[in-house]
N, C-alpha and C. Protein backbone atom coordinates (compact mmCIF):
# COMPACT_ATOMS: atom_id res chain seq x y z
N UNK A 1 87.67 114.65 117.31
CA UNK A 1 88.08 113.67 116.20
C UNK A 1 89.36 113.39 116.59
N UNK A 2 89.86 111.80 116.72
CA UNK A 2 91.17 111.54 116.90
C UNK A 2 91.66 111.04 115.48
N UNK A 3 93.05 111.21 115.35
CA UNK A 3 93.53 110.23 114.24
C UNK A 3 94.44 109.28 114.71
N UNK A 4 94.37 108.20 113.83
CA UNK A 4 95.34 107.10 114.33
C UNK A 4 96.08 106.70 113.22
N UNK A 5 97.69 106.72 113.08
CA UNK A 5 98.55 106.18 112.49
C UNK A 5 99.43 105.07 112.76
N UNK A 6 99.17 104.32 111.95
CA UNK A 6 99.83 103.00 112.34
C UNK A 6 100.79 102.95 111.22
N UNK A 7 102.36 103.22 111.48
CA UNK A 7 103.41 103.50 110.33
C UNK A 7 104.31 102.21 110.46
N UNK A 8 104.67 101.96 109.11
CA UNK A 8 105.86 101.02 108.98
C UNK A 8 105.67 99.85 109.76
N UNK A 9 104.51 99.26 109.49
CA UNK A 9 103.94 97.81 110.08
C UNK A 9 104.84 96.93 109.01
N UNK A 10 105.60 96.16 109.30
CA UNK A 10 106.60 95.31 108.22
C UNK A 10 106.54 94.14 108.40
N UNK A 11 106.38 93.13 107.75
CA UNK A 11 106.61 91.67 107.78
C UNK A 11 106.52 91.14 106.42
N UNK A 12 106.71 89.93 106.21
CA UNK A 12 106.90 88.89 105.05
C UNK A 12 105.58 88.37 104.36
N UNK A 13 105.28 88.32 103.32
CA UNK A 13 103.95 87.71 103.04
C UNK A 13 103.99 87.20 101.55
N UNK A 14 103.12 86.27 101.13
CA UNK A 14 103.24 86.27 99.72
C UNK A 14 102.24 87.38 98.83
N UNK A 15 102.77 87.95 97.88
CA UNK A 15 101.90 88.84 97.27
C UNK A 15 102.56 89.02 95.81
N UNK A 16 101.84 89.24 94.84
CA UNK A 16 102.00 89.73 93.53
C UNK A 16 101.64 88.66 92.56
N UNK A 17 101.92 89.01 91.12
CA UNK A 17 101.26 88.05 90.10
C UNK A 17 102.30 87.37 89.35
N UNK A 18 103.65 87.51 89.85
CA UNK A 18 104.74 86.92 88.98
C UNK A 18 105.18 85.55 89.69
N UNK A 19 105.63 84.49 89.11
CA UNK A 19 105.77 83.25 89.77
C UNK A 19 106.59 83.23 90.74
N UNK A 20 107.86 84.07 90.80
CA UNK A 20 108.68 83.99 91.83
C UNK A 20 108.07 84.72 93.21
N UNK A 21 106.89 85.75 92.96
CA UNK A 21 106.30 86.46 94.21
C UNK A 21 105.06 85.74 94.63
N UNK A 22 105.13 84.22 94.05
CA UNK A 22 103.87 83.51 94.61
C UNK A 22 104.63 82.07 95.30
N UNK A 23 105.74 82.37 95.39
CA UNK A 23 106.85 81.19 95.97
C UNK A 23 107.38 81.71 97.27
N UNK A 24 108.10 82.81 97.01
CA UNK A 24 109.11 83.23 98.13
C UNK A 24 108.25 84.37 98.81
N UNK A 25 108.27 84.46 99.84
CA UNK A 25 107.73 85.50 100.78
C UNK A 25 108.28 86.94 100.48
N UNK A 26 107.79 87.91 100.39
CA UNK A 26 108.50 89.37 100.29
C UNK A 26 108.30 90.24 101.29
N UNK A 27 109.06 90.82 101.49
CA UNK A 27 108.61 92.06 102.50
C UNK A 27 107.66 93.12 102.20
N UNK A 28 106.58 93.51 102.96
CA UNK A 28 105.88 94.55 102.79
C UNK A 28 106.12 95.33 103.88
N UNK A 29 105.40 96.80 103.69
CA UNK A 29 105.35 97.50 104.68
C UNK A 29 104.17 98.51 104.52
N UNK A 30 103.44 98.61 105.66
CA UNK A 30 101.97 99.21 105.32
C UNK A 30 101.99 100.38 106.32
N UNK A 31 101.32 101.29 105.60
CA UNK A 31 101.18 102.63 106.49
C UNK A 31 99.76 102.81 106.42
N UNK A 32 98.83 103.24 107.83
CA UNK A 32 97.63 103.10 107.81
C UNK A 32 97.46 104.42 108.71
N UNK A 33 96.47 105.41 108.06
CA UNK A 33 95.79 106.46 109.11
C UNK A 33 94.48 106.20 108.85
N UNK A 34 93.71 106.64 109.97
CA UNK A 34 92.16 107.00 109.96
C UNK A 34 91.91 107.90 111.05
N UNK A 35 90.82 108.63 110.97
CA UNK A 35 90.10 109.54 112.18
C UNK A 35 88.93 108.78 112.69
N UNK A 36 88.69 108.90 113.70
CA UNK A 36 87.15 108.97 114.57
C UNK A 36 87.02 109.52 115.58
N UNK A 37 85.78 109.53 116.03
CA UNK A 37 85.34 110.47 117.12
C UNK A 37 85.62 109.28 118.57
N UNK A 38 86.39 109.82 119.25
CA UNK A 38 86.87 109.22 120.56
C UNK A 38 85.96 109.26 121.60
N UNK A 39 85.39 108.45 122.28
CA UNK A 39 84.86 108.30 123.53
C UNK A 39 85.34 107.59 124.51
N UNK A 40 85.27 107.54 125.53
CA UNK A 40 86.04 106.77 126.54
C UNK A 40 85.67 105.36 126.47
N UNK A 41 84.41 105.28 125.95
CA UNK A 41 83.98 103.79 126.28
C UNK A 41 83.95 103.25 124.71
N UNK A 42 84.26 104.01 123.53
CA UNK A 42 84.35 103.80 122.26
C UNK A 42 85.60 104.13 121.70
N UNK A 43 86.34 103.30 122.21
CA UNK A 43 87.82 103.61 121.30
C UNK A 43 88.39 102.49 120.42
N UNK A 44 89.29 102.87 119.43
CA UNK A 44 89.60 101.80 118.73
C UNK A 44 91.29 101.38 118.68
N UNK A 45 91.22 99.76 119.18
CA UNK A 45 92.21 99.43 119.70
C UNK A 45 93.21 99.14 118.38
N UNK A 46 94.19 99.96 118.12
CA UNK A 46 94.98 100.09 117.16
C UNK A 46 95.65 98.79 116.87
N UNK A 47 96.25 98.02 118.06
CA UNK A 47 97.06 97.02 118.11
C UNK A 47 96.16 95.71 117.31
N UNK A 48 94.78 95.73 117.63
CA UNK A 48 94.09 94.82 116.64
C UNK A 48 93.80 95.18 115.50
N UNK A 49 93.80 96.30 115.04
CA UNK A 49 93.77 96.60 113.45
C UNK A 49 95.14 96.05 112.93
N UNK A 50 96.21 96.63 113.49
CA UNK A 50 97.55 96.10 112.85
C UNK A 50 97.56 94.56 112.89
N UNK A 51 96.98 93.81 114.06
CA UNK A 51 97.11 92.25 113.76
C UNK A 51 96.17 91.78 112.91
N UNK A 52 95.00 92.49 112.68
CA UNK A 52 94.34 92.05 111.68
C UNK A 52 94.79 92.18 110.26
N UNK A 53 95.52 93.28 110.03
CA UNK A 53 95.97 93.48 108.68
C UNK A 53 97.22 92.52 108.32
N UNK A 54 97.92 92.36 109.38
CA UNK A 54 99.04 91.49 109.21
C UNK A 54 98.63 89.84 108.85
N UNK A 55 97.82 89.43 109.69
CA UNK A 55 96.87 87.98 109.70
C UNK A 55 96.23 87.97 108.48
N UNK A 56 95.68 88.84 107.62
CA UNK A 56 94.87 88.84 106.45
C UNK A 56 95.74 88.85 105.42
N UNK A 57 97.06 89.71 105.37
CA UNK A 57 97.98 89.88 104.25
C UNK A 57 98.50 88.05 104.04
N UNK A 58 99.01 87.97 105.12
CA UNK A 58 99.36 86.45 105.02
C UNK A 58 98.53 85.11 104.49
N UNK A 59 97.51 85.59 105.14
CA UNK A 59 96.12 84.49 104.94
C UNK A 59 95.80 84.52 103.49
N UNK A 60 95.61 85.69 102.98
CA UNK A 60 94.70 85.92 101.66
C UNK A 60 95.66 85.65 100.52
N UNK A 61 97.04 86.04 100.79
CA UNK A 61 97.97 85.93 99.49
C UNK A 61 97.44 86.65 98.44
N UNK A 62 96.99 88.15 98.39
CA UNK A 62 96.55 88.67 97.52
C UNK A 62 97.78 88.96 96.24
N UNK A 63 97.20 88.94 94.90
CA UNK A 63 97.90 89.05 93.55
C UNK A 63 98.27 90.49 93.44
N UNK A 64 97.42 91.49 93.67
CA UNK A 64 97.98 92.93 93.51
C UNK A 64 97.61 93.78 95.12
N UNK A 65 98.60 94.59 95.14
CA UNK A 65 98.40 95.39 96.07
C UNK A 65 97.14 96.01 96.29
N UNK A 66 97.06 96.55 95.19
CA UNK A 66 95.37 97.29 94.91
C UNK A 66 94.32 96.36 95.45
N UNK A 67 94.72 95.03 95.20
CA UNK A 67 93.16 94.12 95.88
C UNK A 67 93.37 94.33 97.38
N UNK A 68 94.47 94.42 97.76
CA UNK A 68 94.65 94.31 98.99
C UNK A 68 93.92 95.47 99.84
N UNK A 69 94.48 96.75 99.56
CA UNK A 69 93.84 97.87 99.52
C UNK A 69 92.71 98.18 99.69
N UNK A 70 92.08 97.71 98.70
CA UNK A 70 90.31 97.64 98.62
C UNK A 70 89.47 96.57 99.45
N UNK A 71 90.49 95.60 99.70
CA UNK A 71 89.69 94.65 100.60
C UNK A 71 89.80 95.16 102.07
N UNK A 72 91.04 95.72 102.31
CA UNK A 72 91.08 96.36 103.64
C UNK A 72 90.12 97.63 104.08
N UNK A 73 90.03 98.39 103.04
CA UNK A 73 88.77 99.55 102.91
C UNK A 73 87.78 99.00 103.42
N UNK A 74 87.27 97.84 102.57
CA UNK A 74 86.05 97.45 102.99
C UNK A 74 85.61 96.81 104.38
N UNK A 75 86.70 96.25 104.65
CA UNK A 75 86.61 95.66 106.03
C UNK A 75 86.78 96.67 107.47
N UNK A 76 87.59 97.45 107.13
CA UNK A 76 87.96 98.61 108.25
C UNK A 76 86.73 99.48 108.16
N UNK A 77 86.27 100.01 107.03
CA UNK A 77 84.82 100.81 107.31
C UNK A 77 83.72 99.98 107.85
N UNK A 78 83.87 98.48 107.56
CA UNK A 78 82.63 97.84 107.86
C UNK A 78 82.61 97.41 109.77
N UNK A 79 83.69 97.44 109.87
CA UNK A 79 84.05 96.93 111.38
C UNK A 79 84.34 98.04 112.19
N UNK A 80 84.55 99.19 111.79
CA UNK A 80 85.04 100.56 112.75
C UNK A 80 84.03 101.62 112.39
N UNK A 81 83.81 102.73 113.26
CA UNK A 81 83.40 104.04 112.65
C UNK A 81 84.47 104.63 112.40
N UNK A 82 84.92 104.82 111.36
CA UNK A 82 86.24 105.71 110.89
C UNK A 82 85.76 106.29 109.74
N UNK A 83 86.69 107.71 109.40
CA UNK A 83 86.74 108.51 108.49
C UNK A 83 88.19 108.64 108.00
N UNK A 84 88.21 108.89 106.69
CA UNK A 84 89.21 109.34 106.16
C UNK A 84 90.37 108.37 106.20
N UNK A 85 89.99 107.27 105.95
CA UNK A 85 91.18 106.22 105.75
C UNK A 85 91.87 106.15 104.67
N UNK A 86 93.38 106.24 105.11
CA UNK A 86 94.41 106.07 104.07
C UNK A 86 95.30 104.63 104.31
N UNK A 87 95.57 104.17 103.18
CA UNK A 87 96.31 102.89 103.36
C UNK A 87 97.31 102.93 102.07
N UNK A 88 98.65 102.92 102.74
CA UNK A 88 99.97 102.65 101.69
C UNK A 88 100.56 101.31 101.71
N UNK A 89 100.78 100.57 100.91
CA UNK A 89 101.35 99.09 101.05
C UNK A 89 102.59 99.23 100.19
N UNK A 90 103.82 99.06 100.65
CA UNK A 90 105.12 99.24 99.69
C UNK A 90 105.58 97.61 99.82
N UNK A 91 106.67 97.50 98.64
CA UNK A 91 107.20 96.28 98.39
C UNK A 91 108.51 96.99 98.35
N UNK A 92 109.43 97.10 99.62
CA UNK A 92 110.54 97.68 99.23
C UNK A 92 111.96 96.81 98.44
N UNK A 93 111.55 95.38 98.20
CA UNK A 93 112.68 94.88 97.65
C UNK A 93 112.14 94.18 96.32
N UNK A 94 111.06 94.49 95.96
CA UNK A 94 110.82 93.97 94.52
C UNK A 94 111.54 94.50 93.62
N UNK A 95 111.99 95.78 93.24
CA UNK A 95 112.76 96.40 92.44
C UNK A 95 114.17 96.72 92.84
N UNK A 96 115.17 96.55 92.24
CA UNK A 96 116.65 96.55 92.46
C UNK A 96 116.82 98.18 92.98
N UNK A 97 116.34 99.14 92.35
CA UNK A 97 116.50 100.66 92.61
C UNK A 97 115.66 101.58 93.20
N UNK A 98 114.82 100.98 93.62
CA UNK A 98 113.47 101.56 94.29
C UNK A 98 112.42 101.09 95.03
N UNK A 99 111.30 101.81 95.47
CA UNK A 99 110.44 101.14 96.36
C UNK A 99 109.40 101.11 95.68
N UNK A 100 108.55 100.39 95.49
CA UNK A 100 107.19 100.31 95.10
C UNK A 100 105.93 100.28 96.07
N UNK A 101 105.29 101.48 96.00
CA UNK A 101 104.11 101.34 96.79
C UNK A 101 103.03 101.81 95.94
N UNK A 102 101.65 101.39 96.90
CA UNK A 102 100.59 101.84 96.12
C UNK A 102 99.51 102.32 97.29
N UNK A 103 98.79 103.30 97.10
CA UNK A 103 97.93 103.91 98.03
C UNK A 103 96.52 104.09 97.49
N UNK A 104 95.87 104.27 98.33
CA UNK A 104 94.43 104.76 97.77
C UNK A 104 94.06 106.41 98.21
């Protein structure tokens, strides 16, 4: 069993329910980890996983971080033979004195 960790994937996108969050892109930081059974001819290309996450975050413009996490859980379990998926999405600049994160 192998464990893949994609840490500190950061970019800007539209996410949130407040008016200003729907207009101006804000920074998000995503951490993902999962386990899978490694075979030389069946490995998971983590660059494709991270590119998929980034593309979908920008394309979907989720209202809630929770919506994004549920969406990615569904898609990643469907597309890959993985176990123990963990996703944390943070919005480091949304509040003045802290970082807001949601995880599954």
